[in-house]
Amino acid sequence: MKQPVHCKYTPLEKHLRILSATESVLTLSFEQIEIIMQSELPKSAFLRLSWWDNAVHSTLSHKHAWLHANWQVDQIDLSGKLVRFVRTMK
């Protein structure tokens, strides 16, 4: 049975929230994110930069995972399957 989308990304949000306040930049591979989530990323995460944007008005729960944890996506490397997050000031 498929997990509801809003729950699927909760482990990523929790992971970002518990990082040390001194950590301001974090690079994760897509594989590391999937391990944290204990779930696969959708195909669109591997194909579209827009999947990773920081649109605050978005209703897409995957974006809320990092935005609510006070992080933003800074760089995406789709070919290398890497994402760099930076901590935001809130």
PDB file of N, CA and C in Angstrom:
ATOM      1  N   MET A   1       0.845  -1.187   0.000  1.00  0.00           N
ATOM      2  CA  MET A   1       0.000   0.000   0.000  1.00  0.00           C
ATOM      3  C   MET A   1       0.887   1.245   0.000  1.00  0.00           C
ATOM      4  N   LYS A   2       0.524   2.215  -0.813  1.00  0.00           N
ATOM      5  CA  LYS A   2       1.292   3.441  -0.925  1.00  0.00           C
ATOM      6  C   LYS A   2       1.115   4.317   0.305  1.00  0.00           C
ATOM      7  N   GLN A   3       2.223   4.902   0.763  1.00  0.00           N
ATOM      8  CA  GLN A   3       2.198   5.808   1.890  1.00  0.00           C
ATOM      9  C   GLN A   3       1.680   7.171   1.416  1.00  0.00           C
ATOM     10  N   PRO A   4       0.868   7.882   2.216  1.00  0.00           N
ATOM     11  CA  PRO A   4       0.432   9.223   1.819  1.00  0.00           C
ATOM     12  C   PRO A   4       1.653  10.106   1.588  1.00  0.00           C
ATOM     13  N   VAL A   5       1.566  10.988   0.586  1.00  0.00           N
ATOM     14  CA  VAL A   5       2.710  11.807   0.198  1.00  0.00           C
ATOM     15  C   VAL A   5       3.206  12.652   1.359  1.00  0.00           C
ATOM     16  N   HIS A   6       2.291  13.235   2.130  1.00  0.00           N
ATOM     17  CA  HIS A   6       2.741  14.116   3.209  1.00  0.00           C
ATOM     18  C   HIS A   6       3.574  13.363   4.240  1.00  0.00           C
ATOM     19  N   CYS A   7       3.348  12.090   4.415  1.00  0.00           N
ATOM     20  CA  CYS A   7       4.128  11.285   5.366  1.00  0.00           C
ATOM     21  C   CYS A   7       5.456  10.837   4.751  1.00  0.00           C
ATOM     22  N   LYS A   8       5.473  10.659   3.469  1.00  0.00           N
ATOM     23  CA  LYS A   8       6.655  10.145   2.777  1.00  0.00           C
ATOM     24  C   LYS A   8       7.878  11.035   3.003  1.00  0.00           C
ATOM     25  N   TYR A   9       7.685  12.337   3.067  1.00  0.00           N
ATOM     26  CA  TYR A   9       8.795  13.280   3.175  1.00  0.00           C
ATOM     27  C   TYR A   9       9.075  13.737   4.601  1.00  0.00           C
ATOM     28  N   THR A  10       8.283  13.309   5.555  1.00  0.00           N
ATOM     29  CA  THR A  10       8.482  13.688   6.957  1.00  0.00           C
ATOM     30  C   THR A  10       9.861  13.296   7.481  1.00  0.00           C
ATOM     31  N   PRO A  11      10.375  12.103   7.175  1.00  0.00           N
ATOM     32  CA  PRO A  11      11.722  11.766   7.660  1.00  0.00           C
ATOM     33  C   PRO A  11      12.805  12.723   7.147  1.00  0.00           C
ATOM     34  N   LEU A  12      12.658  13.225   5.938  1.00  0.00           N
ATOM     35  CA  LEU A  12      13.623  14.192   5.408  1.00  0.00           C
ATOM     36  C   LEU A  12      13.539  15.494   6.202  1.00  0.00           C
ATOM     37  N   GLU A  13      12.336  15.962   6.457  1.00  0.00           N
ATOM     38  CA  GLU A  13      12.167  17.179   7.253  1.00  0.00           C
ATOM     39  C   GLU A  13      12.782  17.001   8.641  1.00  0.00           C
ATOM     40  N   LYS A  14      12.504  15.875   9.282  1.00  0.00           N
ATOM     41  CA  LYS A  14      13.053  15.615  10.620  1.00  0.00           C
ATOM     42  C   LYS A  14      14.577  15.564  10.584  1.00  0.00           C
ATOM     43  N   HIS A  15      15.123  14.942   9.557  1.00  0.00           N
ATOM     44  CA  HIS A  15      16.584  14.855   9.422  1.00  0.00           C
ATOM     45  C   HIS A  15      17.197  16.253   9.320  1.00  0.00           C
ATOM     46  N   LEU A  16      16.608  17.105   8.510  1.00  0.00           N
ATOM     47  CA  LEU A  16      17.130  18.456   8.343  1.00  0.00           C
ATOM     48  C   LEU A  16      16.989  19.274   9.623  1.00  0.00           C
ATOM     49  N   ARG A  17      15.901  19.072  10.342  1.00  0.00           N
ATOM     50  CA  ARG A  17      15.666  19.824  11.592  1.00  0.00           C
ATOM     51  C   ARG A  17      16.685  19.494  12.678  1.00  0.00           C
ATOM     52  N   ILE A  18      17.141  18.249  12.737  1.00  0.00           N
ATOM     53  CA  ILE A  18      18.026  17.857  13.847  1.00  0.00           C
ATOM     54  C   ILE A  18      19.508  18.135  13.588  1.00  0.00           C
ATOM     55  N   LEU A  19      19.826  18.624  12.411  1.00  0.00           N
ATOM     56  CA  LEU A  19      21.228  18.938  12.127  1.00  0.00           C
ATOM     57  C   LEU A  19      21.702  20.083  13.016  1.00  0.00           C
ATOM     58  N   SER A  20      22.951  20.060  13.361  1.00  0.00           N
ATOM     59  CA  SER A  20      23.546  21.091  14.203  1.00  0.00           C
ATOM     60  C   SER A  20      23.306  22.477  13.610  1.00  0.00           C
ATOM     61  N   ALA A  21      23.037  23.434  14.478  1.00  0.00           N
ATOM     62  CA  ALA A  21      22.802  24.817  14.037  1.00  0.00           C
ATOM     63  C   ALA A  21      24.035  25.404  13.360  1.00  0.00           C
ATOM     64  N   THR A  22      25.200  24.821  13.620  1.00  0.00           N
ATOM     65  CA  THR A  22      26.429  25.314  12.987  1.00  0.00           C
ATOM     66  C   THR A  22      26.563  24.830  11.543  1.00  0.00           C
ATOM     67  N   GLU A  23      25.765  23.840  11.188  1.00  0.00           N
ATOM     68  CA  GLU A  23      25.804  23.317   9.825  1.00  0.00           C
ATOM     69  C   GLU A  23      24.892  24.175   8.946  1.00  0.00           C
ATOM     70  N   SER A  24      25.485  24.836   7.961  1.00  0.00           N
ATOM     71  CA  SER A  24      24.697  25.743   7.131  1.00  0.00           C
ATOM     72  C   SER A  24      24.573  25.282   5.683  1.00  0.00           C
ATOM     73  N   VAL A  25      25.381  24.309   5.288  1.00  0.00           N
ATOM     74  CA  VAL A  25      25.343  23.766   3.935  1.00  0.00           C
ATOM     75  C   VAL A  25      25.377  22.244   4.045  1.00  0.00           C
ATOM     76  N   LEU A  26      24.543  21.594   3.265  1.00  0.00           N
ATOM     77  CA  LEU A  26      24.478  20.137   3.299  1.00  0.00           C
ATOM     78  C   LEU A  26      24.259  19.617   1.884  1.00  0.00           C
ATOM     79  N   THR A  27      25.133  18.745   1.437  1.00  0.00           N
ATOM     80  CA  THR A  27      24.972  18.100   0.142  1.00  0.00           C
ATOM     81  C   THR A  27      24.622  16.640   0.373  1.00  0.00           C
ATOM     82  N   LEU A  28      23.539  16.214  -0.257  1.00  0.00           N
ATOM     83  CA  LEU A  28      23.088  14.828  -0.162  1.00  0.00           C
ATOM     84  C   LEU A  28      22.912  14.260  -1.559  1.00  0.00           C
ATOM     85  N   SER A  29      23.234  13.003  -1.702  1.00  0.00           N
ATOM     86  CA  SER A  29      22.924  12.325  -2.957  1.00  0.00           C
ATOM     87  C   SER A  29      21.448  11.947  -2.926  1.00  0.00           C
ATOM     88  N   PHE A  30      20.896  11.719  -4.081  1.00  0.00           N
ATOM     89  CA  PHE A  30      19.503  11.279  -4.142  1.00  0.00           C
ATOM     90  C   PHE A  30      19.358   9.958  -3.385  1.00  0.00           C
ATOM     91  N   GLU A  31      20.379   9.113  -3.468  1.00  0.00           N
ATOM     92  CA  GLU A  31      20.349   7.839  -2.763  1.00  0.00           C
ATOM     93  C   GLU A  31      20.298   8.062  -1.248  1.00  0.00           C
ATOM     94  N   GLN A  32      21.073   9.009  -0.744  1.00  0.00           N
ATOM     95  CA  GLN A  32      21.052   9.309   0.686  1.00  0.00           C
ATOM     96  C   GLN A  32      19.668   9.811   1.117  1.00  0.00           C
ATOM     97  N   ILE A  33      19.054  10.629   0.289  1.00  0.00           N
ATOM     98  CA  ILE A  33      17.710  11.125   0.595  1.00  0.00           C
ATOM     99  C   ILE A  33      16.725   9.974   0.649  1.00  0.00           C
ATOM    100  N   GLU A  34      16.849   9.044  -0.284  1.00  0.00           N
ATOM    101  CA  GLU A  34      15.952   7.882  -0.290  1.00  0.00           C
ATOM    102  C   GLU A  34      16.172   7.017   0.953  1.00  0.00           C
ATOM    103  N   ILE A  35      17.396   6.916   1.404  1.00  0.00           N
ATOM    104  CA  ILE A  35      17.686   6.154   2.634  1.00  0.00           C
ATOM    105  C   ILE A  35      17.052   6.856   3.834  1.00  0.00           C
ATOM    106  N   ILE A  36      17.208   8.166   3.904  1.00  0.00           N
ATOM    107  CA  ILE A  36      16.601   8.940   4.993  1.00  0.00           C
ATOM    108  C   ILE A  36      15.085   8.768   4.985  1.00  0.00           C
ATOM    109  N   MET A  37      14.496   8.842   3.803  1.00  0.00           N
ATOM    110  CA  MET A  37      13.039   8.742   3.665  1.00  0.00           C
ATOM    111  C   MET A  37      12.541   7.307   3.786  1.00  0.00           C
ATOM    112  N   GLN A  38      13.431   6.353   3.579  1.00  0.00           N
ATOM    113  CA  GLN A  38      13.058   4.941   3.491  1.00  0.00           C
ATOM    114  C   GLN A  38      11.997   4.745   2.409  1.00  0.00           C
ATOM    115  N   SER A  39      12.192   5.469   1.324  1.00  0.00           N
ATOM    116  CA  SER A  39      11.265   5.440   0.197  1.00  0.00           C
ATOM    117  C   SER A  39      11.981   6.014  -1.022  1.00  0.00           C
ATOM    118  N   GLU A  40      11.537   5.622  -2.182  1.00  0.00           N
ATOM    119  CA  GLU A  40      12.142   6.132  -3.409  1.00  0.00           C
ATOM    120  C   GLU A  40      11.623   7.522  -3.750  1.00  0.00           C
ATOM    121  N   LEU A  41      12.505   8.314  -4.325  1.00  0.00           N
ATOM    122  CA  LEU A  41      12.080   9.591  -4.896  1.00  0.00           C
ATOM    123  C   LEU A  41      11.307   9.301  -6.180  1.00  0.00           C
ATOM    124  N   PRO A  42      10.382  10.169  -6.535  1.00  0.00           N
ATOM    125  CA  PRO A  42       9.658   9.959  -7.794  1.00  0.00           C
ATOM    126  C   PRO A  42      10.576  10.208  -8.993  1.00  0.00           C
ATOM    127  N   LYS A  43      10.210   9.666 -10.123  1.00  0.00           N
ATOM    128  CA  LYS A  43      11.013   9.839 -11.344  1.00  0.00           C
ATOM    129  C   LYS A  43      11.225  11.316 -11.673  1.00  0.00           C
ATOM    130  N   SER A  44      10.239  12.151 -11.384  1.00  0.00           N
ATOM    131  CA  SER A  44      10.351  13.580 -11.694  1.00  0.00           C
ATOM    132  C   SER A  44      11.501  14.237 -10.936  1.00  0.00           C
ATOM    133  N   ALA A  45      11.865  13.724  -9.768  1.00  0.00           N
ATOM    134  CA  ALA A  45      12.993  14.277  -9.013  1.00  0.00           C
ATOM    135  C   ALA A  45      14.313  14.058  -9.744  1.00  0.00           C
ATOM    136  N   PHE A  46      14.366  13.004 -10.546  1.00  0.00           N
ATOM    137  CA  PHE A  46      15.574  12.673 -11.307  1.00  0.00           C
ATOM    138  C   PHE A  46      15.613  13.386 -12.661  1.00  0.00           C
ATOM    139  N   LEU A  47      14.462  13.906 -13.099  1.00  0.00           N
ATOM    140  CA  LEU A  47      14.355  14.444 -14.454  1.00  0.00           C
ATOM    141  C   LEU A  47      14.146  15.949 -14.539  1.00  0.00           C
ATOM    142  N   ARG A  48      13.534  16.551 -13.514  1.00  0.00           N
ATOM    143  CA  ARG A  48      13.137  17.960 -13.619  1.00  0.00           C
ATOM    144  C   ARG A  48      13.716  18.804 -12.488  1.00  0.00           C
ATOM    145  N   LEU A  49      14.415  19.846 -12.869  1.00  0.00           N
ATOM    146  CA  LEU A  49      14.928  20.791 -11.875  1.00  0.00           C
ATOM    147  C   LEU A  49      13.793  21.425 -11.088  1.00  0.00           C
ATOM    148  N   SER A  50      12.662  21.637 -11.743  1.00  0.00           N
ATOM    149  CA  SER A  50      11.531  22.290 -11.082  1.00  0.00           C
ATOM    150  C   SER A  50      11.018  21.502  -9.882  1.00  0.00           C
ATOM    151  N   TRP A  51      11.254  20.191  -9.857  1.00  0.00           N
ATOM    152  CA  TRP A  51      10.821  19.391  -8.717  1.00  0.00           C
ATOM    153  C   TRP A  51      11.511  19.878  -7.442  1.00  0.00           C
ATOM    154  N   TRP A  52      12.700  20.425  -7.595  1.00  0.00           N
ATOM    155  CA  TRP A  52      13.530  20.835  -6.459  1.00  0.00           C
ATOM    156  C   TRP A  52      13.441  22.322  -6.148  1.00  0.00           C
ATOM    157  N   ASP A  53      12.599  23.067  -6.837  1.00  0.00           N
ATOM    158  CA  ASP A  53      12.582  24.509  -6.568  1.00  0.00           C
ATOM    159  C   ASP A  53      12.031  24.796  -5.172  1.00  0.00           C
ATOM    160  N   ASN A  54      12.191  26.034  -4.755  1.00  0.00           N
ATOM    161  CA  ASN A  54      11.812  26.448  -3.400  1.00  0.00           C
ATOM    162  C   ASN A  54      10.521  27.264  -3.391  1.00  0.00           C
ATOM    163  N   ALA A  55       9.604  26.956  -4.264  1.00  0.00           N
ATOM    164  CA  ALA A  55       8.357  27.708  -4.379  1.00  0.00           C
ATOM    165  C   ALA A  55       7.571  27.642  -3.070  1.00  0.00           C
ATOM    166  N   VAL A  56       7.529  28.750  -2.365  1.00  0.00           N
ATOM    167  CA  VAL A  56       6.856  28.823  -1.070  1.00  0.00           C
ATOM    168  C   VAL A  56       5.353  28.606  -1.231  1.00  0.00           C
ATOM    169  N   HIS A  57       4.803  29.058  -2.322  1.00  0.00           N
ATOM    170  CA  HIS A  57       3.358  28.940  -2.561  1.00  0.00           C
ATOM    171  C   HIS A  57       2.947  27.531  -2.981  1.00  0.00           C
ATOM    172  N   SER A  58       3.913  26.675  -3.134  1.00  0.00           N
ATOM    173  CA  SER A  58       3.636  25.325  -3.618  1.00  0.00           C
ATOM    174  C   SER A  58       2.825  24.520  -2.607  1.00  0.00           C
ATOM    175  N   THR A  59       1.922  23.718  -3.119  1.00  0.00           N
ATOM    176  CA  THR A  59       1.164  22.794  -2.267  1.00  0.00           C
ATOM    177  C   THR A  59       1.814  21.415  -2.276  1.00  0.00           C
ATOM    178  N   LEU A  60       2.941  21.293  -2.932  1.00  0.00           N
ATOM    179  CA  LEU A  60       3.631  20.010  -3.025  1.00  0.00           C
ATOM    180  C   LEU A  60       4.409  19.743  -1.742  1.00  0.00           C
ATOM    181  N   SER A  61       4.066  18.666  -1.078  1.00  0.00           N
ATOM    182  CA  SER A  61       4.597  18.403   0.258  1.00  0.00           C
ATOM    183  C   SER A  61       6.098  18.136   0.285  1.00  0.00           C
ATOM    184  N   HIS A  62       6.672  17.668  -0.806  1.00  0.00           N
ATOM    185  CA  HIS A  62       8.109  17.416  -0.757  1.00  0.00           C
ATOM    186  C   HIS A  62       8.880  18.716  -0.544  1.00  0.00           C
ATOM    187  N   LYS A  63       8.402  19.813  -1.078  1.00  0.00           N
ATOM    188  CA  LYS A  63       9.070  21.102  -0.896  1.00  0.00           C
ATOM    189  C   LYS A  63       8.928  21.594   0.540  1.00  0.00           C
ATOM    190  N   HIS A  64       7.799  21.294   1.146  1.00  0.00           N
ATOM    191  CA  HIS A  64       7.584  21.680   2.536  1.00  0.00           C
ATOM    192  C   HIS A  64       8.574  20.972   3.456  1.00  0.00           C
ATOM    193  N   ALA A  65       9.030  19.802   3.072  1.00  0.00           N
ATOM    194  CA  ALA A  65       9.975  19.050   3.908  1.00  0.00           C
ATOM    195  C   ALA A  65      11.215  19.874   4.198  1.00  0.00           C
ATOM    196  N   TRP A  66      11.791  20.508   3.205  1.00  0.00           N
ATOM    197  CA  TRP A  66      12.988  21.300   3.471  1.00  0.00           C
ATOM    198  C   TRP A  66      12.648  22.724   3.874  1.00  0.00           C
ATOM    199  N   LEU A  67      11.596  23.298   3.313  1.00  0.00           N
ATOM    200  CA  LEU A  67      11.255  24.676   3.657  1.00  0.00           C
ATOM    201  C   LEU A  67      10.825  24.816   5.117  1.00  0.00           C
ATOM    202  N   HIS A  68      10.017  23.899   5.619  1.00  0.00           N
ATOM    203  CA  HIS A  68       9.577  23.948   7.022  1.00  0.00           C
ATOM    204  C   HIS A  68      10.717  23.662   7.994  1.00  0.00           C
ATOM    205  N   ALA A  69      11.741  23.007   7.511  1.00  0.00           N
ATOM    206  CA  ALA A  69      12.917  22.736   8.352  1.00  0.00           C
ATOM    207  C   ALA A  69      13.943  23.869   8.264  1.00  0.00           C
ATOM    208  N   ASN A  70      13.577  24.951   7.565  1.00  0.00           N
ATOM    209  CA  ASN A  70      14.435  26.138   7.395  1.00  0.00           C
ATOM    210  C   ASN A  70      15.672  25.872   6.544  1.00  0.00           C
ATOM    211  N   TRP A  71      15.468  25.096   5.493  1.00  0.00           N
ATOM    212  CA  TRP A  71      16.503  24.855   4.492  1.00  0.00           C
ATOM    213  C   TRP A  71      15.920  25.173   3.121  1.00  0.00           C
ATOM    214  N   GLN A  72      16.792  25.515   2.188  1.00  0.00           N
ATOM    215  CA  GLN A  72      16.400  25.710   0.794  1.00  0.00           C
ATOM    216  C   GLN A  72      17.349  24.924  -0.096  1.00  0.00           C
ATOM    217  N   VAL A  73      16.838  24.524  -1.235  1.00  0.00           N
ATOM    218  CA  VAL A  73      17.691  23.894  -2.230  1.00  0.00           C
ATOM    219  C   VAL A  73      18.504  25.003  -2.886  1.00  0.00           C
ATOM    220  N   ASP A  74      19.808  24.814  -2.909  1.00  0.00           N
ATOM    221  CA  ASP A  74      20.725  25.813  -3.467  1.00  0.00           C
ATOM    222  C   ASP A  74      21.231  25.394  -4.841  1.00  0.00           C
ATOM    223  N   GLN A  75      21.558  24.112  -4.991  1.00  0.00           N
ATOM    224  CA  GLN A  75      22.055  23.608  -6.269  1.00  0.00           C
ATOM    225  C   GLN A  75      21.559  22.186  -6.480  1.00  0.00           C
ATOM    226  N   ILE A  76      21.303  21.878  -7.738  1.00  0.00           N
ATOM    227  CA  ILE A  76      20.894  20.531  -8.131  1.00  0.00           C
ATOM    228  C   ILE A  76      21.823  20.061  -9.235  1.00  0.00           C
ATOM    229  N   ASP A  77      22.271  18.848  -9.111  1.00  0.00           N
ATOM    230  CA  ASP A  77      23.055  18.195 -10.160  1.00  0.00           C
ATOM    231  C   ASP A  77      22.292  16.930 -10.534  1.00  0.00           C
ATOM    232  N   LEU A  78      21.435  17.041 -11.561  1.00  0.00           N
ATOM    233  CA  LEU A  78      20.624  15.895 -11.956  1.00  0.00           C
ATOM    234  C   LEU A  78      21.479  14.750 -12.479  1.00  0.00           C
ATOM    235  N   SER A  79      22.526  15.065 -13.239  1.00  0.00           N
ATOM    236  CA  SER A  79      23.358  13.986 -13.785  1.00  0.00           C
ATOM    237  C   SER A  79      24.155  13.283 -12.683  1.00  0.00           C
ATOM    238  N   GLY A  80      24.618  14.042 -11.687  1.00  0.00           N
ATOM    239  CA  GLY A  80      25.357  13.456 -10.575  1.00  0.00           C
ATOM    240  C   GLY A  80      24.448  12.999  -9.442  1.00  0.00           C
ATOM    241  N   LYS A  81      23.149  13.320  -9.564  1.00  0.00           N
ATOM    242  CA  LYS A  81      22.145  12.950  -8.552  1.00  0.00           C
ATOM    243  C   LYS A  81      22.515  13.478  -7.174  1.00  0.00           C
ATOM    244  N   LEU A  82      22.790  14.798  -7.148  1.00  0.00           N
ATOM    245  CA  LEU A  82      23.160  15.473  -5.913  1.00  0.00           C
ATOM    246  C   LEU A  82      22.304  16.713  -5.715  1.00  0.00           C
ATOM    247  N   VAL A  83      22.019  17.020  -4.455  1.00  0.00           N
ATOM    248  CA  VAL A  83      21.313  18.249  -4.118  1.00  0.00           C
ATOM    249  C   VAL A  83      22.049  18.919  -2.970  1.00  0.00           C
ATOM    250  N   ARG A  84      22.228  20.227  -3.095  1.00  0.00           N
ATOM    251  CA  ARG A  84      22.868  20.990  -2.024  1.00  0.00           C
ATOM    252  C   ARG A  84      21.809  21.876  -1.379  1.00  0.00           C
ATOM    253  N   PHE A  85      21.675  21.731  -0.070  1.00  0.00           N
ATOM    254  CA  PHE A  85      20.756  22.543   0.717  1.00  0.00           C
ATOM    255  C   PHE A  85      21.547  23.596   1.479  1.00  0.00           C
ATOM    256  N   VAL A  86      20.948  24.756   1.693  1.00  0.00           N
ATOM    257  CA  VAL A  86      21.529  25.777   2.558  1.00  0.00           C
ATOM    258  C   VAL A  86      20.484  26.156   3.605  1.00  0.00           C
ATOM    259  N   ARG A  87      20.955  26.389   4.817  1.00  0.00           N
ATOM    260  CA  ARG A  87      20.057  26.765   5.904  1.00  0.00           C
ATOM    261  C   ARG A  87      19.586  28.198   5.707  1.00  0.00           C
ATOM    262  N   THR A  88      18.333  28.442   5.969  1.00  0.00           N
ATOM    263  CA  THR A  88      17.780  29.793   5.872  1.00  0.00           C
ATOM    264  C   THR A  88      17.662  30.365   7.275  1.00  0.00           C
ATOM    265  N   MET A  89      17.604  31.660   7.351  1.00  0.00           N
ATOM    266  CA  MET A  89      17.431  32.335   8.638  1.00  0.00           C
ATOM    267  C   MET A  89      15.954  32.589   8.850  1.00  0.00           C
ATOM    268  N   LYS A  90      15.414  32.076   9.923  1.00  0.00           N
ATOM    269  CA  LYS A  90      13.993  32.290  10.227  1.00  0.00           C
ATOM    270  C   LYS A  90      13.864  32.790  11.636  1.00  0.00           C
TER     271      LYS A  90
END
